[in-house]
C-alpha cells in the first residue's frame, strides 16, 4: 500500500514538473510587447528606394467593413473612423510616428504582411492602398510611401511610418516628428531613373529622318574608317596633280609653234 502511494505521488510530482517546464518554454517564445528597431540593421537602410506610385484597385480588406450603413467605417479604441472614398486632394499636417519589430510579419489591414524594411505606412482613414508624400517640416526631407495599414490611433498622430521610412525621414532619433502628408496620384506621378537617356539610334523619330551623307560613308552606303591627316593630304595632292594635268592637256603650251592661216596670193 505504501509503495502504491509513493508511486502515485511520484507520478503527480513528475506531471507538475513537466507542466512547469513546458510553461517556461512557452513563455520564452512569446512575442515581445515592446516595439522598437531590429537587432540587426541592414547597412544601406537609409538608401531604400521610395515606393513607386502605380494605379491599383482598392483592396478587398480594409476599406469596407460590413453591409450596414456604417460599411465604410470601423471602431478602434472606442472611436469610430470613417474611411475616405478617395484620396484625391488630401493634405494634412501633424505628428508622425513609426512601428517596427512588434508588428513585423503580422497581417496589415488590407491583408498583406507588414515589412518594416519596406516603404509603407499606416493611416486611419485613407483608402487602401494609397500613395502619399511625407515631408519632415524641420529637416525638409521627404519620402513616398504606400499606405497599406490602419493606425496610429493616438489622438495627436496622423500617420505611422515603417522602420525604413522613418530612417530615411530622420524620425528614429526622437520617435516622432511634425510632418506634412500629401496624397500622390499615380497618373500624375512620373518616375524617371537618375541615369536615363534615349540613344539616337533608338529614338522614335529617327526612322522618319533621312540620314545626310557624310565623309565616313562611301558610295555603297557602307561605313568606312576615317582617314588620317597624312592620307588626306596625299589624296588632296593627287587630286591637284590630276586637275593640273587636265588643264595642261586643254591649254596649248608656249613651246608649240602657233600655226597661222595660209596667205592667199592674187
Protein backbone atom coordinates (compact mmCIF):
# COMPACT_ATOMS: atom_id res chain seq x y z
CA UNK A 1 0.00 0.00 0.00
CA UNK A 2 2.78 2.36 0.88
CA UNK A 3 4.59 1.52 -2.36
CA UNK A 4 1.44 2.32 -4.34
CA UNK A 5 1.06 5.74 -2.67
CA UNK A 6 4.72 6.52 -3.28
CA UNK A 7 4.40 5.74 -6.99
CA UNK A 8 1.21 7.82 -7.25
CA UNK A 9 2.81 10.82 -5.56
CA UNK A 10 5.93 10.45 -7.71
CA UNK A 11 3.81 10.46 -10.89
CA UNK A 12 1.88 13.51 -9.70
CA UNK A 13 5.10 15.34 -8.91
CA UNK A 14 6.54 14.43 -12.32
CA UNK A 15 3.42 15.78 -14.04
CA UNK A 16 3.62 19.08 -12.14
CA UNK A 17 7.29 19.48 -13.07
CA UNK A 18 6.52 18.75 -16.73
CA UNK A 19 3.76 21.38 -16.80
CA UNK A 20 6.05 23.95 -15.23
CA UNK A 21 8.82 23.16 -17.72
CA UNK A 22 6.51 23.46 -20.75
CA UNK A 23 5.01 26.69 -19.48
CA UNK A 24 8.51 28.10 -19.02
CA UNK A 25 9.46 27.14 -22.58
CA UNK A 26 6.28 28.68 -23.91
CA UNK A 27 6.95 31.91 -22.05
CA UNK A 28 10.40 32.18 -23.62
CA UNK A 29 8.86 32.17 -27.16
CA UNK A 30 6.14 34.72 -26.53
CA UNK A 31 6.33 37.77 -28.82
CA UNK A 32 7.63 40.91 -27.18
CA UNK A 33 5.04 43.51 -26.29
CA UNK A 34 7.59 46.31 -26.67
CA UNK A 35 8.13 47.88 -30.07
CA UNK A 36 11.50 49.03 -31.35
CA UNK A 37 14.21 48.73 -34.01
CA UNK A 38 15.62 45.39 -35.16
CA UNK A 39 18.71 43.89 -33.60
CA UNK A 40 20.48 43.72 -36.96
CA UNK A 41 20.01 46.81 -39.10
CA UNK A 42 20.75 46.50 -42.84
CA UNK A 43 23.76 48.53 -43.96
CA UNK A 44 22.01 50.57 -46.66
CA UNK A 45 18.65 51.01 -44.93
CA UNK A 46 18.86 54.79 -45.48
CA UNK A 47 19.18 54.17 -49.24
CA UNK A 48 15.95 52.23 -49.54
CA UNK A 49 14.17 53.49 -52.69
CA UNK A 50 10.82 55.20 -52.28
CA UNK A 51 7.61 53.46 -53.19
CA UNK A 52 6.79 53.92 -56.88
CA UNK A 53 3.15 55.04 -57.27
CA UNK A 54 1.10 52.93 -59.65
CA UNK A 55 -2.59 52.56 -60.34
CA UNK A 56 -4.03 49.80 -58.13
CA UNK A 57 -7.58 48.68 -57.34
CA UNK A 58 -8.84 49.09 -53.80
CA UNK A 59 -8.01 46.11 -51.63
CA UNK A 60 -10.78 43.75 -50.56
CA UNK A 61 -9.86 44.25 -46.91
CA UNK A 62 -9.51 47.50 -45.02
CA UNK A 63 -11.99 49.61 -47.00
CA UNK A 64 -15.43 48.05 -46.43
CA UNK A 65 -16.39 46.69 -43.00
CA UNK A 66 -19.88 45.27 -43.49
CA UNK A 67 -23.23 45.76 -45.23
CA UNK A 68 -24.76 48.23 -42.77
CA UNK A 69 -24.89 51.99 -43.13
CA UNK A 70 -21.52 52.11 -41.45
CA UNK A 71 -19.99 49.80 -44.08
CA UNK A 72 -17.13 52.25 -44.70
CA UNK A 73 -16.24 52.75 -41.04
CA UNK A 74 -14.67 50.81 -38.17
CA UNK A 75 -14.22 51.19 -34.44
CA UNK A 76 -10.82 51.30 -32.77
CA UNK A 77 -10.16 52.27 -29.16
CA UNK A 78 -13.87 53.03 -28.68
CA UNK A 79 -13.88 55.54 -31.53
CA UNK A 80 -15.44 55.21 -34.98
CA UNK A 81 -13.32 56.11 -38.01
CA UNK A 82 -14.87 56.70 -41.46
CA UNK A 83 -12.80 55.62 -44.47
CA UNK A 84 -12.46 58.22 -47.21
CA UNK A 85 -13.94 57.39 -50.61
CA UNK A 86 -10.99 58.92 -52.43
CA UNK A 87 -7.55 60.23 -51.53
CA UNK A 88 -7.56 62.93 -54.20
CA UNK A 89 -6.57 66.33 -52.80
CA UNK A 90 -5.71 65.01 -49.34
CA UNK A 91 -3.27 67.21 -47.41
CA UNK A 92 -2.72 67.34 -43.67
CA UNK A 93 -0.11 68.30 -41.09
CA UNK A 94 0.51 66.61 -37.78
CA UNK A 95 2.76 64.25 -35.88
CA UNK A 96 4.20 61.11 -37.46
CA UNK A 97 5.41 58.05 -35.56
CA UNK A 98 6.80 54.67 -36.61
CA UNK A 99 6.38 50.98 -35.73
CA UNK A 100 8.85 48.13 -36.05
CA UNK A 101 9.61 44.71 -34.57
CA UNK A 102 6.38 44.26 -32.64
CA UNK A 103 4.29 44.15 -35.82
CA UNK A 104 6.90 42.83 -38.25
CA UNK A 105 5.47 39.87 -40.17
CA UNK A 106 1.91 40.37 -38.95
CA UNK A 107 -1.02 40.97 -41.26
CA UNK A 108 -1.93 44.54 -42.12
CA UNK A 109 -5.44 45.91 -42.53
CA UNK A 110 -5.52 45.11 -46.27
CA UNK A 111 -4.37 41.52 -45.78
CA UNK A 112 -0.68 41.93 -46.60
CA UNK A 113 2.19 41.17 -44.22
CA UNK A 114 3.90 44.12 -42.60
CA UNK A 115 7.53 44.51 -43.63
CA UNK A 116 9.41 47.02 -41.51
CA UNK A 117 12.12 47.32 -44.19
CA UNK A 118 9.66 48.39 -46.93
CA UNK A 119 8.45 51.92 -47.67
CA UNK A 120 4.95 51.61 -46.22
CA UNK A 121 2.79 53.43 -43.69
CA UNK A 122 -0.47 53.25 -41.74
CA UNK A 123 -3.31 55.79 -41.81
CA UNK A 124 -6.68 55.86 -40.10
CA UNK A 125 -8.99 56.94 -42.94
CA UNK A 126 -7.19 56.93 -46.32
CA UNK A 127 -8.29 54.24 -48.81
CA UNK A 128 -6.04 51.17 -49.05
CA UNK A 129 -3.74 51.28 -50.86
CA UNK A 130 -2.82 54.96 -51.21
CA UNK A 131 0.48 56.62 -52.05
CA UNK A 132 1.43 59.70 -50.06
CA UNK A 133 4.40 62.03 -49.86
CA UNK A 134 5.56 62.67 -46.30
CA UNK A 135 7.75 65.73 -45.67
CA UNK A 136 9.64 66.37 -42.43
CA UNK A 137 8.87 70.01 -41.64
CA UNK A 138 12.12 70.52 -39.72
CA UNK A 139 14.83 68.97 -41.91
CA UNK A 140 12.76 69.21 -45.16
CA UNK A 141 13.40 65.56 -46.07
CA UNK A 142 10.61 63.79 -47.92
CA UNK A 143 9.70 60.21 -48.82
CA UNK A 144 6.95 58.49 -50.80
CA UNK A 145 5.27 55.59 -49.01
CA UNK A 146 2.42 53.18 -49.73
CA UNK A 147 -0.37 53.16 -47.15
CA UNK A 148 -1.49 49.57 -46.54
CA UNK A 149 -2.44 49.53 -42.85
CA UNK A 150 -4.63 51.28 -40.24
CA UNK A 151 -3.32 53.47 -37.42
CA UNK A 152 -1.97 55.20 -35.44
CA UNK A 153 -4.86 55.52 -33.01
CA UNK A 154 -3.36 58.18 -30.75
CA UNK A 155 -5.22 61.46 -30.80
CA UNK A 156 -2.30 63.64 -31.84
CA UNK A 157 -0.81 61.45 -34.61
CA UNK A 158 -1.81 61.28 -38.25
CA UNK A 159 0.48 58.63 -39.79
CA UNK A 160 2.57 55.66 -38.70
CA UNK A 161 5.71 55.04 -40.79
CA UNK A 162 7.62 51.84 -41.30
CA UNK A 163 11.11 51.50 -39.85
CA UNK A 164 12.74 52.11 -43.26
CA UNK A 165 10.64 55.21 -43.99
CA UNK A 166 11.31 56.62 -40.52
CA UNK A 167 15.05 56.07 -41.02
CA UNK A 168 15.10 57.98 -44.31
CA UNK A 169 12.96 60.76 -42.89
CA UNK A 170 15.03 61.17 -39.72
CA UNK A 171 12.31 60.24 -37.23
CA UNK A 172 14.11 57.46 -35.33
CA UNK A 173 16.04 59.79 -33.02
CA UNK A 174 13.02 61.43 -31.37
CA UNK A 175 10.43 58.79 -32.25
CA UNK A 176 8.00 61.38 -33.63
CA UNK A 177 8.19 64.39 -35.92
CA UNK A 178 6.00 67.13 -37.37
CA UNK A 179 5.26 66.23 -40.96
CA UNK A 180 3.09 67.14 -43.90
CA UNK A 181 1.23 64.35 -45.68
CA UNK A 182 0.08 64.88 -49.29
CA UNK A 183 -1.63 62.26 -51.43
CA UNK A 184 0.08 61.29 -54.70
CA UNK A 185 -1.94 60.46 -57.81
CA UNK A 186 -0.12 57.68 -59.70
CA UNK A 187 -1.41 59.05 -63.02
CA UNK A 188 0.30 62.39 -62.41
CA UNK A 189 3.48 60.97 -60.92
CA UNK A 190 6.35 60.46 -63.35
CA UNK A 191 9.08 58.21 -62.04
CA UNK A 192 12.30 58.68 -64.02
CA UNK A 193 15.56 56.90 -63.29
CA UNK A 194 18.52 59.10 -62.44
CA UNK A 195 20.77 57.96 -65.32
CA UNK A 196 18.32 57.55 -68.17
CA UNK A 197 18.86 58.62 -71.74
CA UNK A 198 17.50 57.79 -75.19
CA UNK A 199 20.11 56.70 -77.75
CA UNK A 200 19.86 58.41 -81.13
CA UNK A 201 19.53 55.13 -82.98
CA UNK A 202 16.56 54.13 -80.75
CA UNK A 203 14.78 57.46 -80.94
CA UNK A 204 11.22 57.05 -82.29
CA UNK A 205 11.68 59.88 -84.81
CA UNK A 206 14.99 58.56 -86.14
CA UNK A 207 13.25 56.26 -88.64
CA UNK A 208 11.45 59.19 -90.27
CA UNK A 209 14.53 61.42 -90.56
CA UNK A 210 16.73 60.69 -93.64
CA UNK A 211 20.42 60.44 -92.93
CA UNK A 212 22.70 63.02 -94.51
CA UNK A 213 25.71 61.66 -96.41
CA UNK A 214 28.93 62.10 -94.53
CA UNK A 215 32.58 61.67 -95.35
CA UNK A 216 32.59 58.37 -93.49
CA UNK A 217 30.10 56.75 -95.90
CA UNK A 218 31.25 55.59 -99.31
CA UNK A 219 29.23 55.31 -102.49
CA UNK A 220 27.73 51.95 -101.49
CA UNK A 221 26.47 53.32 -98.18
CA UNK A 222 28.85 51.24 -96.09
CA UNK A 223 30.79 52.66 -93.18
CA UNK A 224 34.46 53.25 -93.86
CA UNK A 225 37.17 54.00 -91.36
CA UNK A 226 38.03 57.72 -91.25
CA UNK A 227 41.33 58.57 -92.89
CA UNK A 228 44.24 60.12 -91.06
CA UNK A 229 45.62 63.57 -91.81
CA UNK A 230 48.53 62.22 -93.85
CA UNK A 231 46.38 60.15 -96.18
CA UNK A 232 44.01 63.07 -96.68
CA UNK A 233 46.97 65.26 -97.61
CA UNK A 234 48.25 62.72 -100.14
CA UNK A 235 44.77 62.36 -101.54
CA UNK A 236 44.47 66.13 -101.96
CA UNK A 237 47.89 66.30 -103.68
CA UNK A 238 46.89 63.58 -106.13
CA UNK A 239 43.63 65.41 -106.92
CA UNK A 240 45.52 68.67 -107.51
CA UNK A 241 48.00 66.94 -109.83
CA UNK A 242 45.17 65.40 -111.85
CA UNK A 243 43.47 68.77 -112.17
CA UNK A 244 46.69 70.48 -113.37
CA UNK A 245 47.34 67.72 -115.90
CA UNK A 246 43.81 68.11 -117.21
CA UNK A 247 44.34 71.86 -117.63
CA UNK A 248 47.66 71.35 -119.40
CA UNK A 249 46.07 68.99 -121.90
CA UNK A 250 43.41 71.53 -122.82
CA UNK A 251 45.62 74.64 -123.00
CA UNK A 252 48.43 74.71 -125.62
CA UNK A 253 51.95 75.01 -124.29
CA UNK A 254 54.15 78.02 -125.06
CA UNK A 255 56.84 75.92 -126.78
CA UNK A 256 54.50 74.66 -129.52
CA UNK A 257 54.51 76.86 -132.70
CA UNK A 258 51.32 78.70 -133.50
CA UNK A 259 50.00 77.75 -136.91
CA UNK A 260 48.98 80.76 -138.99
CA UNK A 261 46.36 80.78 -141.67
CA UNK A 262 47.75 80.40 -145.25
CA UNK A 263 48.12 83.64 -147.19
CA UNK A 264 46.21 83.68 -150.37
CA UNK A 265 48.14 85.09 -153.32
CA UNK A 266 46.50 87.08 -156.00
